[in-house]
C-alpha atoms as a PDB file:
ATOM      1  CA  MET A   1     129.427 151.866   7.331  1.00  0.00           C
ATOM      2  CA  GLN A   2     127.451 153.105   9.951  1.00  0.00           C
ATOM      3  CA  GLU A   3     130.037 155.204  11.401  1.00  0.00           C
ATOM      4  CA  LYS A   4     130.787 156.652   8.099  1.00  0.00           C
ATOM      5  CA  ILE A   5     127.259 157.806   7.596  1.00  0.00           C
ATOM      6  CA  LYS A   6     127.106 159.185  11.180  1.00  0.00           C
ATOM      7  CA  GLN A   7     130.375 161.079  10.611  1.00  0.00           C
ATOM      8  CA  LEU A   8     129.193 162.381   7.367  1.00  0.00           C
ATOM      9  CA  PHE A   9     125.884 163.842   8.670  1.00  0.00           C
ATOM     10  CA  LYS A  10     127.634 165.393  11.653  1.00  0.00           C
ATOM     11  CA  GLU A  11     130.164 167.212   9.330  1.00  0.00           C
ATOM     12  CA  ILE A  12     127.440 168.392   7.184  1.00  0.00           C
ATOM     13  CA  ILE A  13     125.525 169.870   9.995  1.00  0.00           C
ATOM     14  CA  GLU A  14     128.562 171.400  11.607  1.00  0.00           C
ATOM     15  CA  ASN A  15     130.281 172.687   8.588  1.00  0.00           C
ATOM     16  CA  GLN A  16     127.668 172.885   5.665  1.00  0.00           C
ATOM     17  CA  LEU A  17     124.231 173.382   7.216  1.00  0.00           C
ATOM     18  CA  PRO A  18     122.192 175.256   4.810  1.00  0.00           C
ATOM     19  CA  GLY A  19     120.549 177.250   7.510  1.00  0.00           C
ATOM     20  CA  GLU A  20     117.644 179.796   6.875  1.00  0.00           C
ATOM     21  CA  ASP A  21     118.407 180.051   3.339  1.00  0.00           C
ATOM     22  CA  ALA A  22     116.808 176.649   2.773  1.00  0.00           C
ATOM     23  CA  HIS A  23     113.576 178.072   4.515  1.00  0.00           C
ATOM     24  CA  LEU A  24     113.208 181.063   2.132  1.00  0.00           C
ATOM     25  CA  MET A  25     111.268 179.312  -0.727  1.00  0.00           C
ATOM     26  CA  MET A  26     108.828 177.815   1.661  1.00  0.00           C
ATOM     27  CA  LEU A  27     108.054 181.004   3.783  1.00  0.00           C
ATOM     28  CA  PRO A  28     104.444 182.205   3.290  1.00  0.00           C
ATOM     29  CA  LYS A  29     104.007 185.569   1.540  1.00  0.00           C
ATOM     30  CA  GLY A  30     104.957 188.496   4.111  1.00  0.00           C
ATOM     31  CA  ARG A  31     106.570 186.209   6.608  1.00  0.00           C
ATOM     32  CA  GLU A  32     110.142 187.137   7.560  1.00  0.00           C
ATOM     33  CA  LYS A  33     113.020 184.749   8.383  1.00  0.00           C
ATOM     34  CA  SER A  34     112.894 183.078  11.730  1.00  0.00           C
ATOM     35  CA  SER A  35     116.107 185.142  12.952  1.00  0.00           C
ATOM     36  CA  VAL A  36     114.218 188.279  12.151  1.00  0.00           C
ATOM     37  CA  SER A  37     110.855 187.642  13.461  1.00  0.00           C
ATOM     38  CA  ARG A  38     112.149 186.159  16.557  1.00  0.00           C
ATOM     39  CA  ARG A  39     113.775 189.294  17.558  1.00  0.00           C
ATOM     40  CA  GLN A  40     110.291 190.787  17.915  1.00  0.00           C
ATOM     41  CA  ALA A  41     108.944 187.946  20.011  1.00  0.00           C
ATOM     42  CA  ILE A  42     108.267 188.133  23.661  1.00  0.00           C
ATOM     43  CA  ALA A  43     109.120 185.023  25.636  1.00  0.00           C
ATOM     44  CA  PRO A  44     108.654 182.582  22.932  1.00  0.00           C
ATOM     45  CA  LYS A  45     107.635 179.104  23.859  1.00  0.00           C
ATOM     46  CA  GLN A  46     110.080 176.325  23.075  1.00  0.00           C
ATOM     47  CA  ALA A  47     109.450 173.154  21.149  1.00  0.00           C
ATOM     48  CA  SER A  48     111.507 170.461  19.531  1.00  0.00           C
ATOM     49  CA  VAL A  49     110.901 168.037  16.622  1.00  0.00           C
ATOM     50  CA  ALA A  50     112.769 164.854  15.743  1.00  0.00           C
ATOM     51  CA  ILE A  51     113.744 163.975  12.203  1.00  0.00           C
ATOM     52  CA  HIS A  52     114.261 160.259  12.195  1.00  0.00           C
ATOM     53  CA  LEU A  53     116.247 158.796   9.283  1.00  0.00           C
ATOM     54  CA  PHE A  54     116.376 155.130   8.716  1.00  0.00           C
ATOM     55  CA  PHE A  55     119.246 153.313   7.093  1.00  0.00           C
ATOM     56  CA  THR A  56     118.093 149.753   7.838  1.00  0.00           C
ATOM     57  CA  ASN A  57     118.078 149.150   4.263  1.00  0.00           C
ATOM     58  CA  PRO A  58     121.029 151.078   2.548  1.00  0.00           C
ATOM     59  CA  ALA A  59     119.347 150.821  -0.845  1.00  0.00           C
ATOM     60  CA  ASP A  60     116.125 152.467   0.495  1.00  0.00           C
ATOM     61  CA  PRO A  61     116.740 154.838   3.352  1.00  0.00           C
ATOM     62  CA  HIS A  62     113.645 156.662   4.591  1.00  0.00           C
ATOM     63  CA  LEU A  63     112.395 159.170   7.170  1.00  0.00           C
ATOM     64  CA  ILE A  64     109.201 159.379   9.332  1.00  0.00           C
ATOM     65  CA  LEU A  65     106.606 161.902   9.289  1.00  0.00           C
ATOM     66  CA  ILE A  66     103.069 161.854  11.052  1.00  0.00           C
ATOM     67  CA  LYS A  67      99.743 162.976  10.331  1.00  0.00           C
ATOM     68  CA  ARG A  68      98.183 164.828  13.242  1.00  0.00           C
ATOM     69  CA  SER A  69      94.733 163.654  14.437  1.00  0.00           C
ATOM     70  CA  VAL A  70      91.774 165.949  13.822  1.00  0.00           C
ATOM     71  CA  TYR A  71      91.048 168.189  16.773  1.00  0.00           C
ATOM     72  CA  ASP A  72      89.912 171.687  17.437  1.00  0.00           C
ATOM     73  CA  GLY A  73      93.389 173.439  16.977  1.00  0.00           C
ATOM     74  CA  ALA A  74      95.638 175.187  14.651  1.00  0.00           C
ATOM     75  CA  HIS A  75      97.701 172.085  13.452  1.00  0.00           C
ATOM     76  CA  SER A  76      94.595 169.671  13.246  1.00  0.00           C
ATOM     77  CA  GLY A  77      95.306 166.972  10.479  1.00  0.00           C
ATOM     78  CA  GLN A  78      98.587 168.407   9.386  1.00  0.00           C
ATOM     79  CA  ILE A  79     101.497 166.518   8.248  1.00  0.00           C
ATOM     80  CA  ALA A  80     104.566 166.988  10.762  1.00  0.00           C
ATOM     81  CA  PHE A  81     107.614 165.549  12.294  1.00  0.00           C
ATOM     82  CA  PRO A  82     107.195 163.990  15.759  1.00  0.00           C
ATOM     83  CA  GLY A  83     107.730 166.460  18.385  1.00  0.00           C
ATOM     84  CA  GLY A  84     106.046 169.153  20.755  1.00  0.00           C
ATOM     85  CA  LYS A  85     106.433 171.676  23.517  1.00  0.00           C
ATOM     86  CA  THR A  86     109.153 171.406  25.974  1.00  0.00           C
ATOM     87  CA  ASP A  87     108.276 170.067  29.346  1.00  0.00           C
ATOM     88  CA  GLU A  88     109.763 171.416  32.604  1.00  0.00           C
ATOM     89  CA  LYS A  89     110.974 167.868  33.329  1.00  0.00           C
ATOM     90  CA  ASP A  90     113.179 167.839  29.999  1.00  0.00           C
ATOM     91  CA  LYS A  91     116.804 168.433  30.763  1.00  0.00           C
ATOM     92  CA  ASN A  92     117.302 170.028  27.246  1.00  0.00           C
ATOM     93  CA  LEU A  93     115.722 170.639  23.831  1.00  0.00           C
ATOM     94  CA  LEU A  94     117.294 167.393  22.479  1.00  0.00           C
ATOM     95  CA  HIS A  95     115.441 165.387  25.367  1.00  0.00           C
ATOM     96  CA  THR A  96     112.163 166.987  24.208  1.00  0.00           C
ATOM     97  CA  ALA A  97     112.501 165.512  20.798  1.00  0.00           C
ATOM     98  CA  ILE A  98     113.455 162.260  22.313  1.00  0.00           C
ATOM     99  CA  ARG A  99     110.563 162.094  24.675  1.00  0.00           C
ATOM    100  CA  GLU A 100     107.963 163.356  22.220  1.00  0.00           C
ATOM    101  CA  SER A 101     109.007 160.612  19.804  1.00  0.00           C
ATOM    102  CA  HIS A 102     108.503 158.033  22.323  1.00  0.00           C
ATOM    103  CA  GLU A 103     105.254 159.330  23.340  1.00  0.00           C
ATOM    104  CA  GLU A 104     103.850 160.004  19.829  1.00  0.00           C
ATOM    105  CA  ILE A 105     105.053 156.994  17.828  1.00  0.00           C
ATOM    106  CA  GLY A 106     106.695 154.607  20.318  1.00  0.00           C
ATOM    107  CA  LEU A 107     110.214 155.170  19.137  1.00  0.00           C
ATOM    108  CA  ILE A 108     112.909 154.769  21.723  1.00  0.00           C
ATOM    109  CA  SER A 109     116.026 156.681  21.003  1.00  0.00           C
ATOM    110  CA  ASP A 110     118.865 158.526  22.710  1.00  0.00           C
ATOM    111  CA  GLU A 111     121.274 161.217  22.471  1.00  0.00           C
ATOM    112  CA  ASN A 112     123.923 159.043  20.810  1.00  0.00           C
ATOM    113  CA  GLN A 113     121.678 158.684  17.828  1.00  0.00           C
ATOM    114  CA  SER A 114     121.471 162.355  17.203  1.00  0.00           C
ATOM    115  CA  ALA A 115     123.650 163.863  14.335  1.00  0.00           C
ATOM    116  CA  GLY A 116     123.012 167.228  15.586  1.00  0.00           C
ATOM    117  CA  ALA A 117     120.490 170.174  15.251  1.00  0.00           C
ATOM    118  CA  LEU A 118     119.205 171.825  12.175  1.00  0.00           C
ATOM    119  CA  SER A 119     118.170 175.457  12.058  1.00  0.00           C
ATOM    120  CA  PRO A 120     115.325 176.490  14.388  1.00  0.00           C
ATOM    121  CA  VAL A 121     112.065 177.807  12.982  1.00  0.00           C
ATOM    122  CA  TYR A 122     110.126 180.508  14.828  1.00  0.00           C
ATOM    123  CA  ILE A 123     106.286 180.321  14.321  1.00  0.00           C
ATOM    124  CA  PRO A 124     104.840 184.083  14.907  1.00  0.00           C
ATOM    125  CA  ILE A 125     101.150 182.993  15.036  1.00  0.00           C
ATOM    126  CA  SER A 126     101.715 180.692  18.016  1.00  0.00           C
ATOM    127  CA  ASN A 127     104.883 182.336  19.472  1.00  0.00           C
ATOM    128  CA  PHE A 128     106.806 178.985  19.341  1.00  0.00           C
ATOM    129  CA  ASP A 129     110.524 178.482  18.583  1.00  0.00           C
ATOM    130  CA  VAL A 130     110.867 174.993  17.043  1.00  0.00           C
ATOM    131  CA  HIS A 131     114.273 173.258  17.246  1.00  0.00           C
ATOM    132  CA  PRO A 132     114.755 170.369  14.800  1.00  0.00           C
ATOM    133  CA  PHE A 133     117.085 167.355  15.697  1.00  0.00           C
ATOM    134  CA  LEU A 134     118.430 164.822  13.286  1.00  0.00           C
ATOM    135  CA  PHE A 135     118.538 161.102  14.392  1.00  0.00           C
ATOM    136  CA  LEU A 136     120.063 158.240  12.409  1.00  0.00           C
ATOM    137  CA  HIS A 137     118.834 154.641  12.888  1.00  0.00           C
ATOM    138  CA  PHE A 138     120.299 151.475  11.650  1.00  0.00           C
ATOM    139  CA  ASN A 139     118.093 149.015  13.133  1.00  0.00           C
ATOM    140  CA  SER A 140     114.406 148.083  12.398  1.00  0.00           C
ATOM    141  CA  VAL A 141     111.877 149.150  15.004  1.00  0.00           C
ATOM    142  CA  ALA A 142     108.258 148.763  15.482  1.00  0.00           C
ATOM    143  CA  LEU A 143     106.406 152.050  15.628  1.00  0.00           C
ATOM    144  CA  LEU A 144     103.017 152.661  17.247  1.00  0.00           C
ATOM    145  CA  ALA A 145     100.995 155.835  16.828  1.00  0.00           C
ATOM    146  CA  GLU A 146      99.498 157.605  19.977  1.00  0.00           C
ATOM    147  CA  LYS A 147      95.941 157.851  18.406  1.00  0.00           C
ATOM    148  CA  ARG A 148      94.935 160.931  20.533  1.00  0.00           C
ATOM    149  CA  GLU A 149      97.807 162.803  18.767  1.00  0.00           C
ATOM    150  CA  VAL A 150      98.762 160.878  15.509  1.00  0.00           C
ATOM    151  CA  SER A 151      96.241 159.337  13.168  1.00  0.00           C
ATOM    152  CA  GLU A 152      98.952 157.974  10.820  1.00  0.00           C
ATOM    153  CA  ILE A 153     102.724 157.355  10.461  1.00  0.00           C
ATOM    154  CA  LEU A 154     104.224 158.036   7.149  1.00  0.00           C
ATOM    155  CA  THR A 155     107.331 156.261   5.811  1.00  0.00           C
ATOM    156  CA  VAL A 156     108.724 158.426   3.210  1.00  0.00           C
ATOM    157  CA  PRO A 157     111.898 157.359   0.987  1.00  0.00           C
ATOM    158  CA  LEU A 158     114.697 159.923   1.153  1.00  0.00           C
ATOM    159  CA  SER A 159     114.721 159.877  -2.666  1.00  0.00           C
ATOM    160  CA  GLU A 160     111.186 161.278  -2.473  1.00  0.00           C
ATOM    161  CA  ILE A 161     112.211 164.182  -0.543  1.00  0.00           C
ATOM    162  CA  ILE A 162     114.970 165.428  -2.813  1.00  0.00           C
ATOM    163  CA  GLU A 163     112.609 165.163  -5.840  1.00  0.00           C
ATOM    164  CA  GLU A 164     112.109 168.752  -7.050  1.00  0.00           C
ATOM    165  CA  LYS A 165     108.857 167.649  -8.602  1.00  0.00           C
ATOM    166  CA  ASN A 166     107.304 167.065  -5.389  1.00  0.00           C
ATOM    167  CA  ILE A 167     107.554 170.960  -4.497  1.00  0.00           C
ATOM    168  CA  HIS A 168     104.187 172.533  -5.358  1.00  0.00           C
ATOM    169  CA  LYS A 169     102.493 175.836  -4.709  1.00  0.00           C
ATOM    170  CA  LYS A 170      98.901 175.814  -3.203  1.00  0.00           C
ATOM    171  CA  GLU A 171      96.393 178.404  -2.010  1.00  0.00           C
ATOM    172  CA  ILE A 172      95.217 178.043   1.621  1.00  0.00           C
ATOM    173  CA  THR A 173      92.902 179.736   3.961  1.00  0.00           C
ATOM    174  CA  LEU A 174      94.483 180.756   7.305  1.00  0.00           C
ATOM    175  CA  ASN A 175      92.325 179.736  10.269  1.00  0.00           C
ATOM    176  CA  ASP A 176      93.001 182.881  12.328  1.00  0.00           C
ATOM    177  CA  THR A 177      92.089 185.533   9.547  1.00  0.00           C
ATOM    178  CA  ASN A 178      90.282 183.539   6.940  1.00  0.00           C
ATOM    179  CA  GLU A 179      92.844 185.101   4.446  1.00  0.00           C
ATOM    180  CA  THR A 180      93.594 182.999   1.412  1.00  0.00           C
ATOM    181  CA  ILE A 181      97.298 183.038   0.516  1.00  0.00           C
ATOM    182  CA  GLU A 182      99.590 181.025  -1.885  1.00  0.00           C
ATOM    183  CA  VAL A 183     102.139 178.977  -0.164  1.00  0.00           C
ATOM    184  CA  THR A 184     104.887 176.564  -1.332  1.00  0.00           C
ATOM    185  CA  GLY A 185     105.157 173.018   0.305  1.00  0.00           C
ATOM    186  CA  PHE A 186     105.745 169.372  -0.468  1.00  0.00           C
ATOM    187  CA  LEU A 187     103.375 167.061  -2.043  1.00  0.00           C
ATOM    188  CA  ILE A 188     104.257 163.706  -0.340  1.00  0.00           C
ATOM    189  CA  GLN A 189     102.341 160.516  -0.776  1.00  0.00           C
ATOM    190  CA  GLY A 190      99.271 162.517  -1.537  1.00  0.00           C
ATOM    191  CA  ASN A 191      99.698 164.684   1.570  1.00  0.00           C
ATOM    192  CA  TRP A 192     100.229 168.435   1.663  1.00  0.00           C
ATOM    193  CA  VAL A 193     103.313 169.518   3.982  1.00  0.00           C
ATOM    194  CA  TRP A 194     103.548 173.234   4.318  1.00  0.00           C
ATOM    195  CA  GLY A 195     104.402 175.744   7.088  1.00  0.00           C
ATOM    196  CA  ALA A 196     106.963 175.130   9.625  1.00  0.00           C
ATOM    197  CA  SER A 197     107.179 171.512   8.730  1.00  0.00           C
ATOM    198  CA  ALA A 198     108.074 172.318   4.975  1.00  0.00           C
ATOM    199  CA  LEU A 199     110.569 174.956   6.235  1.00  0.00           C
ATOM    200  CA  ILE A 200     112.350 172.291   8.286  1.00  0.00           C
ATOM    201  CA  LEU A 201     111.682 169.515   5.562  1.00  0.00           C
ATOM    202  CA  ASN A 202     113.406 171.828   2.900  1.00  0.00           C
ATOM    203  CA  GLU A 203     116.538 172.136   4.928  1.00  0.00           C
ATOM    204  CA  VAL A 204     116.499 168.275   5.404  1.00  0.00           C
ATOM    205  CA  LYS A 205     116.242 168.064   1.710  1.00  0.00           C
ATOM    206  CA  GLU A 206     119.374 170.309   1.240  1.00  0.00           C
ATOM    207  CA  VAL A 207     121.287 168.228   3.766  1.00  0.00           C
ATOM    208  CA  LEU A 208     120.429 165.089   2.000  1.00  0.00           C
ATOM    209  CA  LYS A 209     121.490 166.509  -1.477  1.00  0.00           C
ATOM    210  CA  ILE A 210     124.955 167.050   0.148  1.00  0.00           C
ATOM    211  CA  TYR A 211     124.966 163.633   1.653  1.00  0.00           C
ATOM    212  CA  PHE A 212     124.017 162.025  -1.491  1.00  0.00           C
ATOM    213  CA  GLY A 213     126.382 164.155  -3.526  1.00  0.00           C
ATOM    214  CA  ALA A 214     129.260 163.063  -1.339  1.00  0.00           C
ATOM    215  CA  ASN A 215     128.419 159.367  -1.859  1.00  0.00           C
ATOM    216  CA  LYS A 216     128.291 159.279  -5.565  1.00  0.00           C
END
């Protein structure tokens, strides 16, 4: 069963990846696709995030999100995937996702657990190019939040991700301009997920719909 799940996710990522089309509905007003805005960037900084899917209980698979600690920064208190900026010691972007997962939530993983990369997201305001990697887990593990960066670890059933009723619109005020705009995001367990995390999560949602559709 494990090999079947791994193979199916790898085939979806290699042959049916939704790509930036899955980002469109989550893009804030006036923001272009990453492939467009990236072309205008000057030496964007590189970062990776990890999408950890757990199939320890086949009847209740779930993924991990984190709530960032409150600090004086643009992403204070936001819901996100484990991840961060690439370190010069990282041998590649995948290793960044593995290292950051260990540092932030105590999760030890390796390259063999990765099913592949999803579509990168460029963030103009911070000039970051974020690379998401999907990991599959079949054993229970203990997670531990690194309190300086993570205030809470969220366990989210995959069924909750694909529920269209959890997609909402909300007005937010941008920190850099104080402009109020309407954005689309996910309301998950009472937490608002928007911005780059919502773009990535919406592609995860489309991948999961293909996965569950193939397993009916």
